[in-house]
Amino acid sequence: FAEGYPFISMEYIDADNLLKHLHRNNSFDEESALAILRQVLRGLRAAHDLGIVHRDIKPENILLNKDKLAFITDFGIATSPAMVKRRELAGTPDYMAPEQLLMEPVSPATDIYSAGVLLYRMLTGNLPYRATTMTQIIDAHLHHPPEPIPESAPVSNETRELIAWMLQKKVADRPHEVTPLLERLDAALKSGTMSRSASKRATVLVVEQDDKTVALLRSILESEGVRVVATPNARDGVNRAFEQTPAIIFLDAKIRGGFEVASADEGEQEQIADSIGFVRILHGDEKLKQVPVILMADKTLSHLDKGFGGAGVADVIIKPFKKEDVLEIVAKHVHVEESS
């Protein structure tokens, strides 16, 4: 209280929610997804120990900062099981446990189910059920098994079994508390039993504002077993580079969005200032300066190869390009087969 007015002081968390990260990257590799889930489960255990069930665990309610620290937020509909005196439908249907949808009593197992949906989405980029209407969503959670994670996906059997355990329809078949899950997670993370292909899968960063070019690169590279992370502006591109440490970066020569590099030159040099700034920032980092940057330029900018080479660009590919052009330049600079 100050001069008769009540105040609440809270920590400021400089972070995006997990949904924004998923929109940028589509999915996480297995090790990263399990590390995030572990933090979420530890937060839930602390809440459950206080008799609180969150009831709305979903990507929008998980903040993830640049240091990969996860925070559970929005306890707006959290409750104590003993306090629920009437039947009520509360939560986000895509992530709600069957007992929530049936308006039955909730428990820590309810949050565990939602965390299982969260893990499935982090690993696949999708929800475990194909449903669009409320009726379909409710029916899927109550009666249908989750969509199988493709066998080709780099997810270990241990994690698949963990998801299956968390997504059991009956409360009695699910973990009753978080501790057993954490024990299994800690054992997996320490022993490295997760999919080796997941941890070794090569990541390619595409910094490109043209959706068609991004779609073309994604189709070419993902068919080769490469994970593609894309962003349409320079500033986010730098952030993704530091987050992902990609094997190779495809950079639009005309990329805009966040960096201004002082230069006496004008004209075309001014147009590509953001991309040069991008490369210079990366080459200021000991680890990232080893990552090859491939400049994507049209024919009108092809004469700028030398200028970009001086800034640290490894190679230039001229638009429009074909599948063989992309694969050739990747093979030239990265041993993708060893990584995927």
Foldseek 3Di string as FASTA:
>chain_A
DPPPDDDDDDDDDPFAFQVVVCVQQLAAFPLLLLVLLLLVQVVLQVQVVVQKDQQEDARRQWTQHLVRHIDGDDSPPIDHLVPPPDQDQDYDLLQFALCSVVSHGDASLRVLSSSLQRSVCNQRSDGQAPDDDSVRSNCCNQPNDGNDDDPPRQWAPLSSVSSNQSSDNDSVSHPRGSVVVSVSSVVCSVVVRTRPLSVLAAEEEEAAQDPVVLVQVCVLVVVVRHRYGYDDALVVSLSVCVRPVGQAYEYEQQHHDDDADDDPDDDSCRRRRSVLVSLLVQCVDPSSLLHAYEYEEAPVCPVCVVVSVVSRHPYYDHPPDDSVSVVVVCVVRGPNVVRD
